[in-house]
N, C-alpha and C. Protein backbone atom coordinates (compact mmCIF):
# COMPACT_ATOMS: atom_id res chain seq x y z
N MET A 1 302.23 104.09 124.20
CA MET A 1 302.53 102.68 124.15
C MET A 1 303.51 102.38 125.28
N ALA A 2 303.25 101.33 126.01
CA ALA A 2 304.13 100.93 127.10
C ALA A 2 305.23 100.05 126.53
N TYR A 3 306.47 100.53 126.56
CA TYR A 3 307.61 99.76 126.11
C TYR A 3 308.14 99.00 127.31
N LEU A 4 308.29 97.72 127.20
CA LEU A 4 308.74 96.87 128.29
C LEU A 4 307.85 97.06 129.52
N PRO A 5 306.52 96.88 129.36
CA PRO A 5 305.60 97.18 130.46
C PRO A 5 305.76 96.28 131.68
N LEU A 6 306.39 95.13 131.51
CA LEU A 6 306.51 94.23 132.65
C LEU A 6 307.83 94.39 133.38
N GLY A 7 308.71 95.25 132.89
CA GLY A 7 309.95 95.50 133.60
C GLY A 7 310.82 94.27 133.72
N SER A 8 311.37 94.05 134.88
CA SER A 8 312.29 92.94 135.09
C SER A 8 311.59 91.78 135.79
N ARG A 9 312.27 90.65 135.83
CA ARG A 9 311.75 89.48 136.53
C ARG A 9 311.54 89.81 138.01
N ALA A 10 312.42 90.63 138.57
CA ALA A 10 312.28 90.99 139.98
C ALA A 10 310.94 91.66 140.25
N LEU A 11 310.51 92.50 139.32
CA LEU A 11 309.22 93.16 139.47
C LEU A 11 308.10 92.12 139.47
N LEU A 12 308.16 91.19 138.53
CA LEU A 12 307.10 90.19 138.41
C LEU A 12 307.07 89.21 139.57
N ASP A 13 308.17 89.11 140.30
CA ASP A 13 308.20 88.24 141.47
C ASP A 13 307.71 88.94 142.73
N HIS A 14 307.30 90.19 142.61
CA HIS A 14 306.85 90.95 143.78
C HIS A 14 305.61 90.29 144.38
N PRO A 15 305.60 90.08 145.70
CA PRO A 15 304.48 89.38 146.33
C PRO A 15 303.12 90.07 146.17
N VAL A 16 303.10 91.39 146.05
CA VAL A 16 301.82 92.09 145.88
C VAL A 16 301.19 91.73 144.53
N LEU A 17 301.99 91.69 143.47
CA LEU A 17 301.46 91.30 142.16
C LEU A 17 300.91 89.88 142.22
N HIS A 18 301.62 88.99 142.90
CA HIS A 18 301.16 87.60 143.01
C HIS A 18 299.91 87.49 143.88
N ALA A 19 299.83 88.28 144.94
CA ALA A 19 298.65 88.23 145.81
C ALA A 19 297.40 88.71 145.07
N ILE A 20 297.53 89.81 144.35
CA ILE A 20 296.39 90.32 143.58
C ILE A 20 296.01 89.32 142.50
N GLY A 21 297.02 88.78 141.82
CA GLY A 21 296.76 87.78 140.78
C GLY A 21 296.05 86.55 141.33
N ALA A 22 296.49 86.07 142.48
CA ALA A 22 295.85 84.90 143.08
C ALA A 22 294.41 85.20 143.46
N ARG A 23 294.18 86.36 144.01
CA ARG A 23 292.83 86.76 144.40
C ARG A 23 291.91 86.90 143.18
N ARG A 24 292.46 87.34 142.07
CA ARG A 24 291.67 87.58 140.86
C ARG A 24 291.70 86.42 139.87
N GLY A 25 292.53 85.39 140.15
CA GLY A 25 292.59 84.23 139.27
C GLY A 25 293.38 84.45 137.99
N VAL A 26 294.38 85.34 138.05
CA VAL A 26 295.23 85.62 136.89
C VAL A 26 296.69 85.60 137.32
N ALA A 27 297.58 85.60 136.33
CA ALA A 27 299.02 85.64 136.61
C ALA A 27 299.44 87.05 137.03
N ALA A 28 300.57 87.12 137.71
CA ALA A 28 301.13 88.42 138.11
C ALA A 28 301.36 89.31 136.89
N THR A 29 301.73 88.71 135.76
CA THR A 29 301.94 89.49 134.54
C THR A 29 300.66 90.19 134.11
N ALA A 30 299.53 89.52 134.25
CA ALA A 30 298.24 90.13 133.87
C ALA A 30 297.94 91.33 134.76
N VAL A 31 298.28 91.23 136.04
CA VAL A 31 298.07 92.36 136.96
C VAL A 31 298.91 93.55 136.52
N ALA A 32 300.18 93.30 136.18
CA ALA A 32 301.07 94.39 135.76
C ALA A 32 300.58 95.03 134.46
N VAL A 33 300.15 94.21 133.50
CA VAL A 33 299.66 94.75 132.23
C VAL A 33 298.35 95.50 132.46
N ALA A 34 297.46 94.95 133.29
CA ALA A 34 296.19 95.63 133.58
C ALA A 34 296.44 97.00 134.21
N TRP A 35 297.45 97.08 135.08
CA TRP A 35 297.80 98.37 135.67
C TRP A 35 298.25 99.34 134.57
N ALA A 36 299.08 98.85 133.65
CA ALA A 36 299.62 99.71 132.59
C ALA A 36 298.54 100.25 131.66
N ILE A 37 297.50 99.46 131.40
CA ILE A 37 296.46 99.87 130.44
C ILE A 37 295.20 100.41 131.10
N ARG A 38 295.21 100.56 132.41
CA ARG A 38 293.98 100.89 133.14
C ARG A 38 293.33 102.20 132.71
N SER A 39 294.09 103.14 132.19
CA SER A 39 293.51 104.43 131.79
C SER A 39 292.78 104.34 130.47
N GLY A 40 293.05 103.31 129.70
CA GLY A 40 292.47 103.20 128.37
C GLY A 40 293.20 104.03 127.33
N GLU A 41 294.25 104.71 127.74
CA GLU A 41 295.02 105.56 126.83
C GLU A 41 296.40 104.99 126.54
N VAL A 42 296.69 103.82 127.06
CA VAL A 42 298.00 103.19 126.89
C VAL A 42 297.81 101.82 126.27
N ILE A 43 298.67 101.50 125.34
CA ILE A 43 298.70 100.17 124.74
C ILE A 43 299.94 99.49 125.28
N ALA A 44 299.82 98.28 125.78
CA ALA A 44 300.96 97.53 126.28
C ALA A 44 301.16 96.30 125.41
N ILE A 45 302.39 96.10 124.97
CA ILE A 45 302.71 94.92 124.17
C ILE A 45 303.85 94.19 124.89
N PRO A 46 303.50 93.34 125.85
CA PRO A 46 304.54 92.64 126.60
C PRO A 46 305.15 91.51 125.77
N GLU A 47 306.41 91.27 126.01
CA GLU A 47 307.10 90.16 125.33
C GLU A 47 306.51 88.85 125.82
N SER A 48 306.31 87.94 124.90
CA SER A 48 305.78 86.62 125.24
C SER A 48 306.52 85.58 124.42
N GLU A 49 307.10 84.61 125.11
CA GLU A 49 307.88 83.59 124.42
C GLU A 49 307.07 82.37 124.03
N THR A 50 305.94 82.16 124.68
CA THR A 50 305.13 80.98 124.40
C THR A 50 303.66 81.38 124.28
N ALA A 51 302.87 80.47 123.71
CA ALA A 51 301.43 80.72 123.62
C ALA A 51 300.83 80.86 125.01
N ALA A 52 301.35 80.11 125.98
CA ALA A 52 300.85 80.20 127.35
C ALA A 52 301.11 81.60 127.92
N HIS A 53 302.28 82.17 127.63
CA HIS A 53 302.57 83.53 128.10
C HIS A 53 301.64 84.55 127.45
N VAL A 54 301.37 84.36 126.16
CA VAL A 54 300.46 85.27 125.45
C VAL A 54 299.09 85.23 126.11
N CYS A 55 298.61 84.02 126.40
CA CYS A 55 297.29 83.88 127.02
C CYS A 55 297.27 84.46 128.43
N ALA A 56 298.34 84.25 129.19
CA ALA A 56 298.41 84.81 130.55
C ALA A 56 298.39 86.33 130.50
N ASN A 57 299.14 86.91 129.56
CA ASN A 57 299.15 88.36 129.42
C ASN A 57 297.81 88.89 128.92
N ALA A 58 297.17 88.14 128.03
CA ALA A 58 295.89 88.56 127.46
C ALA A 58 294.80 88.66 128.52
N ALA A 59 294.95 87.94 129.63
CA ALA A 59 293.96 88.02 130.71
C ALA A 59 293.83 89.44 131.24
N ALA A 60 294.85 90.25 131.03
CA ALA A 60 294.80 91.65 131.48
C ALA A 60 293.69 92.43 130.81
N CYS A 61 293.30 92.03 129.60
CA CYS A 61 292.27 92.77 128.86
C CYS A 61 290.93 92.76 129.59
N GLY A 62 290.65 91.71 130.31
CA GLY A 62 289.38 91.63 131.02
C GLY A 62 289.48 91.94 132.50
N LEU A 63 290.66 92.32 132.96
CA LEU A 63 290.88 92.55 134.38
C LEU A 63 290.73 94.03 134.71
N GLN A 64 289.74 94.36 135.51
CA GLN A 64 289.54 95.72 135.99
C GLN A 64 290.04 95.77 137.44
N LEU A 65 291.14 96.45 137.66
CA LEU A 65 291.67 96.57 139.01
C LEU A 65 290.74 97.45 139.83
N ASP A 66 290.39 96.97 141.03
CA ASP A 66 289.49 97.75 141.88
C ASP A 66 290.29 98.63 142.83
N ALA A 67 289.59 99.38 143.66
CA ALA A 67 290.24 100.32 144.57
C ALA A 67 291.20 99.62 145.51
N ARG A 68 290.83 98.43 145.98
CA ARG A 68 291.72 97.68 146.87
C ARG A 68 293.01 97.30 146.15
N ASP A 69 292.89 96.79 144.92
CA ASP A 69 294.06 96.42 144.13
C ASP A 69 294.98 97.62 143.94
N LEU A 70 294.39 98.74 143.52
CA LEU A 70 295.19 99.95 143.26
C LEU A 70 295.85 100.47 144.52
N ALA A 71 295.15 100.39 145.66
CA ALA A 71 295.74 100.84 146.92
C ALA A 71 296.94 99.97 147.30
N GLU A 72 296.81 98.65 147.10
CA GLU A 72 297.92 97.74 147.39
C GLU A 72 299.11 98.04 146.49
N LEU A 73 298.85 98.27 145.21
CA LEU A 73 299.93 98.58 144.27
C LEU A 73 300.57 99.92 144.62
N ASP A 74 299.76 100.88 145.03
CA ASP A 74 300.26 102.20 145.41
C ASP A 74 301.20 102.10 146.61
N ARG A 75 300.85 101.26 147.58
CA ARG A 75 301.72 101.08 148.76
C ARG A 75 303.00 100.33 148.39
N ALA A 76 302.87 99.33 147.53
CA ALA A 76 304.04 98.51 147.16
C ALA A 76 305.01 99.26 146.25
N PHE A 77 304.47 100.13 145.40
CA PHE A 77 305.28 100.84 144.42
C PHE A 77 304.98 102.34 144.51
N PRO A 78 305.45 103.01 145.57
CA PRO A 78 305.12 104.42 145.76
C PRO A 78 305.72 105.31 144.67
N ALA A 79 305.03 106.40 144.41
CA ALA A 79 305.52 107.38 143.43
C ALA A 79 306.78 108.03 143.97
N PRO A 80 307.69 108.42 143.08
CA PRO A 80 308.90 109.11 143.54
C PRO A 80 308.55 110.44 144.20
N LYS A 81 309.34 110.83 145.18
CA LYS A 81 309.10 112.08 145.90
C LYS A 81 309.80 113.27 145.23
N ARG A 82 310.70 112.99 144.28
CA ARG A 82 311.41 114.05 143.58
C ARG A 82 311.59 113.63 142.12
N LYS A 83 312.03 114.56 141.29
CA LYS A 83 312.26 114.25 139.89
C LYS A 83 313.34 113.18 139.78
N GLN A 84 313.15 112.30 138.82
CA GLN A 84 314.16 111.29 138.56
C GLN A 84 314.04 110.84 137.12
N PRO A 85 315.10 110.27 136.56
CA PRO A 85 315.04 109.80 135.17
C PRO A 85 314.02 108.67 135.03
N LEU A 86 313.46 108.56 133.84
CA LEU A 86 312.57 107.44 133.58
C LEU A 86 313.36 106.15 133.70
N ASP A 87 312.78 105.16 134.30
CA ASP A 87 313.44 103.87 134.49
C ASP A 87 312.49 102.79 134.03
N LEU A 88 312.88 102.03 133.04
CA LEU A 88 312.01 101.00 132.51
C LEU A 88 311.77 99.87 133.49
N LEU A 89 312.52 99.79 134.56
CA LEU A 89 312.39 98.68 135.48
C LEU A 89 311.55 99.01 136.70
N GLN A 90 310.95 100.18 136.76
CA GLN A 90 310.12 100.55 137.90
C GLN A 90 308.67 100.66 137.47
N LEU A 91 307.79 100.25 138.36
CA LEU A 91 306.36 100.42 138.13
C LEU A 91 305.95 101.67 138.88
N ARG A 92 305.43 102.66 138.18
CA ARG A 92 305.00 103.89 138.84
C ARG A 92 303.72 103.64 139.61
N ALA A 93 303.49 104.47 140.59
CA ALA A 93 302.29 104.33 141.41
C ALA A 93 301.04 104.56 140.57
N PRO A 94 299.99 103.82 140.86
CA PRO A 94 298.74 104.02 140.12
C PRO A 94 298.16 105.42 140.35
N VAL A 95 297.45 105.90 139.38
CA VAL A 95 296.77 107.18 139.51
C VAL A 95 295.28 106.95 139.40
N ALA A 96 294.52 107.89 139.94
CA ALA A 96 293.05 107.76 139.88
C ALA A 96 292.59 107.90 138.44
N PRO A 97 291.47 107.26 138.10
CA PRO A 97 290.93 107.41 136.74
C PRO A 97 290.57 108.86 136.47
N ALA A 98 290.54 109.21 135.22
CA ALA A 98 290.19 110.57 134.82
C ALA A 98 288.77 110.88 135.24
N ALA A 99 288.53 112.12 135.63
CA ALA A 99 287.18 112.54 136.03
C ALA A 99 286.22 112.33 134.87
N GLY A 100 285.07 111.77 135.17
CA GLY A 100 284.05 111.56 134.15
C GLY A 100 284.28 110.35 133.28
N GLU A 101 285.31 109.56 133.55
CA GLU A 101 285.56 108.38 132.72
C GLU A 101 284.43 107.38 132.94
N THR A 102 283.90 106.86 131.87
CA THR A 102 282.83 105.87 131.95
C THR A 102 283.38 104.51 131.57
N ALA A 103 282.62 103.48 131.91
CA ALA A 103 283.03 102.12 131.53
C ALA A 103 283.14 102.00 130.02
N ALA A 104 282.24 102.68 129.31
CA ALA A 104 282.26 102.61 127.84
C ALA A 104 283.53 103.25 127.29
N SER A 105 283.90 104.42 127.83
CA SER A 105 285.11 105.07 127.31
C SER A 105 286.34 104.26 127.65
N HIS A 106 286.34 103.64 128.84
CA HIS A 106 287.47 102.80 129.22
C HIS A 106 287.55 101.59 128.29
N ALA A 107 286.40 100.98 128.02
CA ALA A 107 286.37 99.81 127.13
C ALA A 107 286.82 100.19 125.73
N PHE A 108 286.37 101.35 125.23
CA PHE A 108 286.77 101.79 123.89
C PHE A 108 288.28 102.01 123.84
N GLY A 109 288.83 102.59 124.90
CA GLY A 109 290.27 102.83 124.94
C GLY A 109 291.07 101.55 124.91
N ASN A 110 290.48 100.47 125.38
CA ASN A 110 291.18 99.19 125.39
C ASN A 110 290.87 98.34 124.18
N CYS A 111 290.23 98.91 123.16
CA CYS A 111 289.83 98.10 122.01
C CYS A 111 291.02 97.44 121.34
N ILE A 112 292.16 98.11 121.31
CA ILE A 112 293.33 97.50 120.68
C ILE A 112 293.80 96.32 121.51
N CYS A 113 293.75 96.46 122.84
CA CYS A 113 294.13 95.34 123.69
C CYS A 113 293.18 94.17 123.48
N ILE A 114 291.89 94.46 123.35
CA ILE A 114 290.91 93.40 123.13
C ILE A 114 291.20 92.70 121.81
N ALA A 115 291.54 93.48 120.78
CA ALA A 115 291.91 92.87 119.50
C ALA A 115 293.13 91.98 119.69
N GLY A 116 294.06 92.41 120.53
CA GLY A 116 295.22 91.59 120.84
C GLY A 116 294.84 90.30 121.54
N CYS A 117 293.82 90.37 122.41
CA CYS A 117 293.35 89.17 123.09
C CYS A 117 292.77 88.18 122.09
N VAL A 118 292.02 88.69 121.13
CA VAL A 118 291.45 87.83 120.10
C VAL A 118 292.57 87.19 119.30
N LEU A 119 293.58 87.99 118.94
CA LEU A 119 294.72 87.47 118.20
C LEU A 119 295.46 86.41 119.02
N ALA A 120 295.64 86.67 120.33
CA ALA A 120 296.32 85.71 121.18
C ALA A 120 295.56 84.39 121.22
N HIS A 121 294.25 84.46 121.31
CA HIS A 121 293.43 83.25 121.32
C HIS A 121 293.57 82.51 119.99
N ALA A 122 293.54 83.26 118.90
CA ALA A 122 293.68 82.64 117.57
C ALA A 122 295.04 81.97 117.43
N LEU A 123 296.09 82.63 117.90
CA LEU A 123 297.43 82.03 117.83
C LEU A 123 297.51 80.76 118.65
N ALA A 124 296.88 80.76 119.82
CA ALA A 124 296.89 79.56 120.65
C ALA A 124 296.20 78.41 119.94
N ILE A 125 295.11 78.69 119.26
CA ILE A 125 294.39 77.65 118.52
C ILE A 125 295.25 77.14 117.37
N VAL A 126 295.86 78.06 116.62
CA VAL A 126 296.70 77.66 115.49
C VAL A 126 297.86 76.80 115.96
N ARG A 127 298.49 77.18 117.05
CA ARG A 127 299.64 76.41 117.54
C ARG A 127 299.24 75.01 117.99
N THR A 128 298.06 74.86 118.56
CA THR A 128 297.65 73.52 119.00
C THR A 128 297.23 72.66 117.83
N ASP A 129 296.84 73.28 116.71
CA ASP A 129 296.44 72.52 115.52
C ASP A 129 297.63 72.09 114.68
N MET A 130 298.80 72.61 114.95
CA MET A 130 299.98 72.30 114.12
C MET A 130 300.54 70.94 114.45
């Protein structure tokens, strides 16, 4: 589970996250969450203060970062060259998908995120009906 997957505001203001988001039609937060869950083995529960934030974050469930996106993120957020303590405010460099990973296995791994997207949509509907 990714605890504090979006890090700090400074991370979310990074121009690379915004550029990828603009190109893909999603918020920078969705790009960061999509990066965190890309392996299908991580669940990310980002903090959201409003229904709009929940919906923006939920866009990550349908976002598949391509090789160009991952290369840009890798350049912007390089992996450490030596051992260092875990830091909740840093985005680690992307890693290649596991060998033999299929779209189906990736989709299955994200089933909890997809359930979260459905919940986010339901919450948005409930809030607008109140």
